[in-house]
Each structure stands twice: as C-alpha cells, then as structure tokens.
Amino acid sequence: MIVECKRLGLPTNPRWILNNNYVEHGVGRFVDPQWGYAKRFPSALMIGYWQTMDNEALLAEINDYLLAKGLPELALSGEGWKIASITQFSHTLVRTFPVSPFGLKHLWLDLRT
C-alpha cells in the first residue's frame, strides 16, 4: 500500500498553508506525471493529521483547493464524521499514466484537543 501523510488545519506560517499543502504536495502528486506517486498501482492512501479547524470548514477548504486544481471533491464515507477518531473519505482520480482511474482513500486522524 502506498501512503502519503500531511498535516491539516490552520496555516503554521504565511508560507506553509497546511490544507493547500495536503492537496498540492499530497493529492496532486498522485496525478502529476512528474511525481507519479503510486504509479502502476490502482489505489493508495492519504493520511491527514487533523490539528485544528472545524470539520466542515476544513472539508470546504480542502475541496476548494481540489477544485482549483481541477480535481474532484472528497466524498465523506457513509459513517460520517468521527470526532476525536478517524474520519474516512474516498476519491477517484483520472490520471494520464497507468493506472487510471485511480482510487485514493483518505483517513483524517482528529488530533485536536
């Protein structure tokens, strides 16, 4: 299993925008042929270490970054939000290299205290 991990929440400084980083340097690398994350694999996993922000605001911001990059929004699993636990999302991406379509599962670990 191919796994990529990123932090989620409010920016830690003006140059390090966590949620944009999750999309740009996480999800985006699974569709960018120059990076080719999980090339030749039908699926992979993104782990998000959720440090700050309200759940709906966080998802909305991530989806805004995804849409701006031309990628589909995340779909919340049927289990819904799991506060103080692990929330699951799914994502199907179209890539210009094998294997496509590509399934990307997201697990957000709620580390907020």
N, C-alpha and C. Protein backbone atom coordinates (compact mmCIF):
# COMPACT_ATOMS: atom_id res chain seq x y z
N MET A 1 0.85 -1.19 0.00
CA MET A 1 0.00 0.00 0.00
C MET A 1 0.89 1.24 0.00
N ILE A 2 0.60 2.15 -0.88
CA ILE A 2 1.30 3.43 -0.96
C ILE A 2 0.59 4.42 -0.04
N VAL A 3 1.34 5.11 0.82
CA VAL A 3 0.76 6.02 1.81
C VAL A 3 1.49 7.36 1.75
N GLU A 4 0.72 8.44 1.76
CA GLU A 4 1.25 9.80 1.86
C GLU A 4 0.57 10.46 3.05
N CYS A 5 1.33 11.19 3.85
CA CYS A 5 0.79 11.83 5.07
C CYS A 5 1.05 13.34 5.03
N LYS A 6 0.08 14.09 5.51
CA LYS A 6 0.20 15.55 5.61
C LYS A 6 -0.58 16.04 6.83
N ARG A 7 -0.20 17.21 7.32
CA ARG A 7 -0.92 17.87 8.41
C ARG A 7 -2.09 18.66 7.84
N LEU A 8 -3.16 18.79 8.63
CA LEU A 8 -4.36 19.53 8.24
C LEU A 8 -4.70 20.57 9.29
N GLY A 9 -5.17 21.72 8.83
CA GLY A 9 -5.63 22.75 9.76
C GLY A 9 -5.19 24.13 9.34
N LEU A 10 -5.18 25.03 10.30
CA LEU A 10 -4.80 26.41 10.03
C LEU A 10 -3.32 26.50 9.66
N PRO A 11 -2.95 27.50 8.86
CA PRO A 11 -1.54 27.66 8.47
C PRO A 11 -0.63 27.79 9.68
N THR A 12 0.56 27.21 9.59
CA THR A 12 1.53 27.34 10.67
C THR A 12 2.38 28.59 10.51
N ASN A 13 2.45 29.12 9.28
CA ASN A 13 3.06 30.42 8.99
C ASN A 13 2.59 30.84 7.60
N PRO A 14 2.82 32.08 7.20
CA PRO A 14 2.28 32.56 5.92
C PRO A 14 2.76 31.78 4.69
N ARG A 15 3.88 31.09 4.80
CA ARG A 15 4.40 30.35 3.65
C ARG A 15 4.07 28.85 3.72
N TRP A 16 3.49 28.40 4.79
CA TRP A 16 3.20 26.97 4.94
C TRP A 16 1.72 26.79 5.23
N ILE A 17 0.93 26.71 4.16
CA ILE A 17 -0.52 26.59 4.25
C ILE A 17 -0.84 25.09 4.25
N LEU A 18 -1.16 24.55 5.42
CA LEU A 18 -1.31 23.11 5.59
C LEU A 18 -2.30 22.49 4.61
N ASN A 19 -3.49 23.07 4.49
CA ASN A 19 -4.53 22.46 3.65
C ASN A 19 -4.18 22.52 2.17
N ASN A 20 -3.55 23.60 1.74
CA ASN A 20 -3.08 23.68 0.36
C ASN A 20 -1.97 22.65 0.14
N ASN A 21 -1.10 22.49 1.11
CA ASN A 21 -0.02 21.52 1.03
C ASN A 21 -0.58 20.09 0.90
N TYR A 22 -1.67 19.80 1.61
CA TYR A 22 -2.30 18.49 1.53
C TYR A 22 -2.72 18.18 0.10
N VAL A 23 -3.24 19.19 -0.58
CA VAL A 23 -3.69 19.00 -1.96
C VAL A 23 -2.51 19.10 -2.93
N GLU A 24 -1.75 20.17 -2.84
CA GLU A 24 -0.68 20.44 -3.81
C GLU A 24 0.45 19.41 -3.74
N HIS A 25 0.91 19.11 -2.54
CA HIS A 25 2.07 18.23 -2.36
C HIS A 25 1.69 16.84 -1.85
N GLY A 26 0.40 16.59 -1.78
CA GLY A 26 -0.11 15.28 -1.39
C GLY A 26 -0.93 14.70 -2.52
N VAL A 27 -2.21 15.04 -2.56
CA VAL A 27 -3.12 14.52 -3.58
C VAL A 27 -2.59 14.80 -4.99
N GLY A 28 -2.11 16.00 -5.22
CA GLY A 28 -1.64 16.39 -6.55
C GLY A 28 -0.53 15.52 -7.09
N ARG A 29 0.29 14.97 -6.22
CA ARG A 29 1.42 14.15 -6.66
C ARG A 29 0.97 12.77 -7.15
N PHE A 30 -0.27 12.39 -6.82
CA PHE A 30 -0.79 11.13 -7.34
C PHE A 30 -1.29 11.27 -8.79
N VAL A 31 -1.52 12.52 -9.24
CA VAL A 31 -1.99 12.73 -10.61
C VAL A 31 -0.95 13.42 -11.50
N ASP A 32 0.07 13.99 -10.92
CA ASP A 32 1.11 14.68 -11.68
C ASP A 32 2.10 13.65 -12.22
N PRO A 33 2.24 13.54 -13.56
CA PRO A 33 3.14 12.53 -14.13
C PRO A 33 4.61 12.73 -13.76
N GLN A 34 4.99 13.95 -13.40
CA GLN A 34 6.38 14.18 -12.99
C GLN A 34 6.68 13.50 -11.65
N TRP A 35 5.70 13.47 -10.77
CA TRP A 35 5.87 12.79 -9.49
C TRP A 35 5.48 11.32 -9.61
N GLY A 36 4.32 11.07 -10.20
CA GLY A 36 3.86 9.71 -10.44
C GLY A 36 3.68 8.87 -9.19
N TYR A 37 3.24 9.49 -8.10
CA TYR A 37 3.01 8.72 -6.87
C TYR A 37 2.10 7.53 -7.16
N ALA A 38 2.46 6.38 -6.67
CA ALA A 38 1.69 5.13 -6.81
C ALA A 38 1.52 4.72 -8.27
N LYS A 39 2.48 5.08 -9.07
CA LYS A 39 2.44 4.69 -10.48
C LYS A 39 2.34 3.16 -10.57
N ARG A 40 1.47 2.70 -11.43
CA ARG A 40 1.20 1.27 -11.65
C ARG A 40 0.39 0.62 -10.52
N PHE A 41 -0.11 1.42 -9.58
CA PHE A 41 -0.97 0.89 -8.52
C PHE A 41 -2.39 1.42 -8.74
N PRO A 42 -3.42 0.62 -8.44
CA PRO A 42 -4.80 1.07 -8.64
C PRO A 42 -5.34 1.95 -7.52
N SER A 43 -4.61 2.01 -6.38
CA SER A 43 -5.11 2.79 -5.26
C SER A 43 -3.98 3.13 -4.30
N ALA A 44 -4.27 4.07 -3.40
CA ALA A 44 -3.32 4.48 -2.38
C ALA A 44 -4.10 5.11 -1.23
N LEU A 45 -3.35 5.59 -0.24
CA LEU A 45 -3.95 6.14 0.99
C LEU A 45 -3.30 7.46 1.33
N MET A 46 -4.13 8.45 1.67
CA MET A 46 -3.66 9.72 2.22
C MET A 46 -4.08 9.76 3.68
N ILE A 47 -3.11 10.04 4.56
CA ILE A 47 -3.42 10.23 5.97
C ILE A 47 -3.28 11.71 6.28
N GLY A 48 -4.33 12.28 6.87
CA GLY A 48 -4.31 13.67 7.27
C GLY A 48 -4.29 13.77 8.78
N TYR A 49 -3.27 14.43 9.32
CA TYR A 49 -3.19 14.66 10.76
C TYR A 49 -3.91 15.97 11.06
N TRP A 50 -5.17 15.86 11.47
CA TRP A 50 -6.08 16.98 11.66
C TRP A 50 -5.78 17.65 12.99
N GLN A 51 -5.14 18.84 12.92
CA GLN A 51 -4.66 19.51 14.11
C GLN A 51 -5.55 20.65 14.60
N THR A 52 -6.19 21.35 13.66
CA THR A 52 -7.04 22.48 14.03
C THR A 52 -8.19 22.58 13.03
N MET A 53 -9.11 23.47 13.28
CA MET A 53 -10.25 23.83 12.42
C MET A 53 -11.48 22.96 12.70
N ASP A 54 -12.61 23.57 12.46
CA ASP A 54 -13.91 22.89 12.48
C ASP A 54 -13.97 21.92 11.31
N ASN A 55 -14.64 20.79 11.50
CA ASN A 55 -14.69 19.76 10.46
C ASN A 55 -15.25 20.26 9.14
N GLU A 56 -16.38 20.96 9.15
CA GLU A 56 -16.99 21.41 7.89
C GLU A 56 -16.13 22.47 7.20
N ALA A 57 -15.53 23.36 7.98
CA ALA A 57 -14.65 24.39 7.40
C ALA A 57 -13.41 23.74 6.78
N LEU A 58 -12.88 22.75 7.45
CA LEU A 58 -11.71 22.05 6.93
C LEU A 58 -12.02 21.35 5.61
N LEU A 59 -13.12 20.61 5.57
CA LEU A 59 -13.50 19.92 4.34
C LEU A 59 -13.78 20.91 3.22
N ALA A 60 -14.46 22.00 3.52
CA ALA A 60 -14.75 23.01 2.50
C ALA A 60 -13.46 23.59 1.93
N GLU A 61 -12.49 23.87 2.78
CA GLU A 61 -11.23 24.44 2.31
C GLU A 61 -10.45 23.44 1.46
N ILE A 62 -10.39 22.20 1.90
CA ILE A 62 -9.71 21.17 1.12
C ILE A 62 -10.39 21.03 -0.25
N ASN A 63 -11.72 20.98 -0.26
CA ASN A 63 -12.44 20.84 -1.53
C ASN A 63 -12.23 22.04 -2.44
N ASP A 64 -12.13 23.24 -1.87
CA ASP A 64 -11.83 24.42 -2.68
C ASP A 64 -10.46 24.28 -3.36
N TYR A 65 -9.46 23.82 -2.61
CA TYR A 65 -8.13 23.61 -3.19
C TYR A 65 -8.15 22.52 -4.26
N LEU A 66 -8.92 21.46 -4.01
CA LEU A 66 -9.03 20.39 -5.01
C LEU A 66 -9.66 20.91 -6.30
N LEU A 67 -10.77 21.63 -6.18
CA LEU A 67 -11.46 22.16 -7.35
C LEU A 67 -10.57 23.14 -8.12
N ALA A 68 -9.82 23.96 -7.40
CA ALA A 68 -8.91 24.91 -8.06
C ALA A 68 -7.84 24.18 -8.86
N LYS A 69 -7.50 22.98 -8.47
CA LYS A 69 -6.50 22.18 -9.17
C LYS A 69 -7.13 21.29 -10.24
N GLY A 70 -8.47 21.40 -10.39
CA GLY A 70 -9.17 20.61 -11.40
C GLY A 70 -9.42 19.18 -10.97
N LEU A 71 -9.42 18.94 -9.66
CA LEU A 71 -9.64 17.61 -9.11
C LEU A 71 -11.01 17.52 -8.46
N PRO A 72 -11.59 16.32 -8.41
CA PRO A 72 -12.91 16.19 -7.78
C PRO A 72 -12.84 16.35 -6.26
N GLU A 73 -13.98 16.74 -5.71
CA GLU A 73 -14.09 16.91 -4.26
C GLU A 73 -14.01 15.57 -3.54
N LEU A 74 -13.68 15.63 -2.25
CA LEU A 74 -13.70 14.43 -1.42
C LEU A 74 -15.13 14.06 -1.08
N ALA A 75 -15.39 12.76 -1.00
CA ALA A 75 -16.69 12.26 -0.60
C ALA A 75 -16.57 11.64 0.78
N LEU A 76 -17.31 12.18 1.74
CA LEU A 76 -17.33 11.67 3.11
C LEU A 76 -17.95 10.28 3.12
N SER A 77 -17.36 9.36 3.87
CA SER A 77 -17.90 7.99 3.93
C SER A 77 -19.29 8.01 4.56
N GLY A 78 -20.03 6.92 4.37
CA GLY A 78 -21.36 6.80 4.93
C GLY A 78 -21.39 6.82 6.44
N GLU A 79 -20.25 6.60 7.07
CA GLU A 79 -20.17 6.63 8.53
C GLU A 79 -20.17 8.05 9.07
N GLY A 80 -19.91 9.03 8.21
CA GLY A 80 -19.91 10.43 8.62
C GLY A 80 -18.66 10.80 9.41
N TRP A 81 -18.74 11.95 10.05
CA TRP A 81 -17.62 12.49 10.82
C TRP A 81 -17.40 11.66 12.08
N LYS A 82 -16.14 11.43 12.40
CA LYS A 82 -15.74 10.72 13.61
C LYS A 82 -14.83 11.65 14.42
N ILE A 83 -15.47 12.50 15.22
CA ILE A 83 -14.73 13.46 16.02
C ILE A 83 -13.92 12.70 17.07
N ALA A 84 -12.68 13.14 17.29
CA ALA A 84 -11.74 12.51 18.22
C ALA A 84 -11.41 11.08 17.80
N SER A 85 -11.50 10.80 16.51
CA SER A 85 -11.23 9.47 15.98
C SER A 85 -10.73 9.62 14.53
N ILE A 86 -11.12 8.69 13.66
CA ILE A 86 -10.67 8.69 12.27
C ILE A 86 -11.86 8.82 11.33
N THR A 87 -11.86 9.86 10.51
CA THR A 87 -12.91 10.08 9.52
C THR A 87 -12.38 9.63 8.16
N GLN A 88 -13.25 8.94 7.40
CA GLN A 88 -12.84 8.40 6.11
C GLN A 88 -13.50 9.14 4.95
N PHE A 89 -12.73 9.29 3.88
CA PHE A 89 -13.20 9.88 2.64
C PHE A 89 -12.71 9.01 1.50
N SER A 90 -13.37 9.15 0.35
CA SER A 90 -12.89 8.45 -0.84
C SER A 90 -12.78 9.43 -1.99
N HIS A 91 -12.00 9.04 -2.96
CA HIS A 91 -11.66 9.93 -4.06
C HIS A 91 -11.32 9.07 -5.27
N THR A 92 -11.87 9.35 -6.41
CA THR A 92 -11.46 8.67 -7.64
C THR A 92 -10.84 9.72 -8.56
N LEU A 93 -9.62 9.46 -8.98
CA LEU A 93 -8.88 10.40 -9.80
C LEU A 93 -8.59 9.81 -11.17
N VAL A 94 -8.59 10.67 -12.17
CA VAL A 94 -8.21 10.27 -13.52
C VAL A 94 -6.78 10.75 -13.73
N ARG A 95 -5.92 9.81 -14.16
CA ARG A 95 -4.51 10.15 -14.37
C ARG A 95 -4.15 9.95 -15.84
N THR A 96 -3.08 10.61 -16.27
CA THR A 96 -2.62 10.48 -17.65
C THR A 96 -1.61 9.35 -17.79
N PHE A 97 -1.37 8.61 -16.71
CA PHE A 97 -0.44 7.49 -16.72
C PHE A 97 -1.11 6.31 -16.02
N PRO A 98 -0.62 5.10 -16.29
CA PRO A 98 -1.24 3.92 -15.67
C PRO A 98 -1.03 3.94 -14.16
N VAL A 99 -1.93 3.57 -13.39
CA VAL A 99 -3.24 3.00 -13.60
C VAL A 99 -4.28 4.11 -13.42
N SER A 100 -5.26 4.16 -14.28
CA SER A 100 -6.32 5.16 -14.20
C SER A 100 -7.61 4.49 -14.68
N PRO A 101 -8.74 4.79 -14.02
CA PRO A 101 -8.90 5.65 -12.85
C PRO A 101 -8.19 5.07 -11.62
N PHE A 102 -7.97 5.95 -10.67
CA PHE A 102 -7.16 5.66 -9.50
C PHE A 102 -7.97 5.97 -8.24
N GLY A 103 -8.00 5.05 -7.31
CA GLY A 103 -8.73 5.25 -6.06
C GLY A 103 -7.82 5.76 -4.97
N LEU A 104 -8.20 6.88 -4.38
CA LEU A 104 -7.42 7.45 -3.28
C LEU A 104 -8.31 7.52 -2.05
N LYS A 105 -7.97 6.76 -1.03
CA LYS A 105 -8.70 6.76 0.22
C LYS A 105 -8.02 7.75 1.16
N HIS A 106 -8.82 8.48 1.94
CA HIS A 106 -8.31 9.47 2.88
C HIS A 106 -8.75 9.09 4.29
N LEU A 107 -7.82 9.10 5.21
CA LEU A 107 -8.12 8.92 6.63
C LEU A 107 -7.62 10.15 7.36
N TRP A 108 -8.55 10.86 7.99
CA TRP A 108 -8.17 12.05 8.76
C TRP A 108 -8.22 11.69 10.24
N LEU A 109 -7.08 11.75 10.90
CA LEU A 109 -6.96 11.45 12.32
C LEU A 109 -7.15 12.74 13.10
N ASP A 110 -8.21 12.82 13.88
CA ASP A 110 -8.54 14.02 14.64
C ASP A 110 -7.64 14.09 15.87
N LEU A 111 -6.63 14.97 15.80
CA LEU A 111 -5.68 15.14 16.89
C LEU A 111 -5.97 16.38 17.71
N ARG A 112 -7.07 17.06 17.44
CA ARG A 112 -7.40 18.28 18.17
C ARG A 112 -7.66 17.95 19.64
N THR A 113 -7.26 18.84 20.51
CA THR A 113 -7.50 18.61 21.94
C THR A 113 -8.37 19.68 22.51
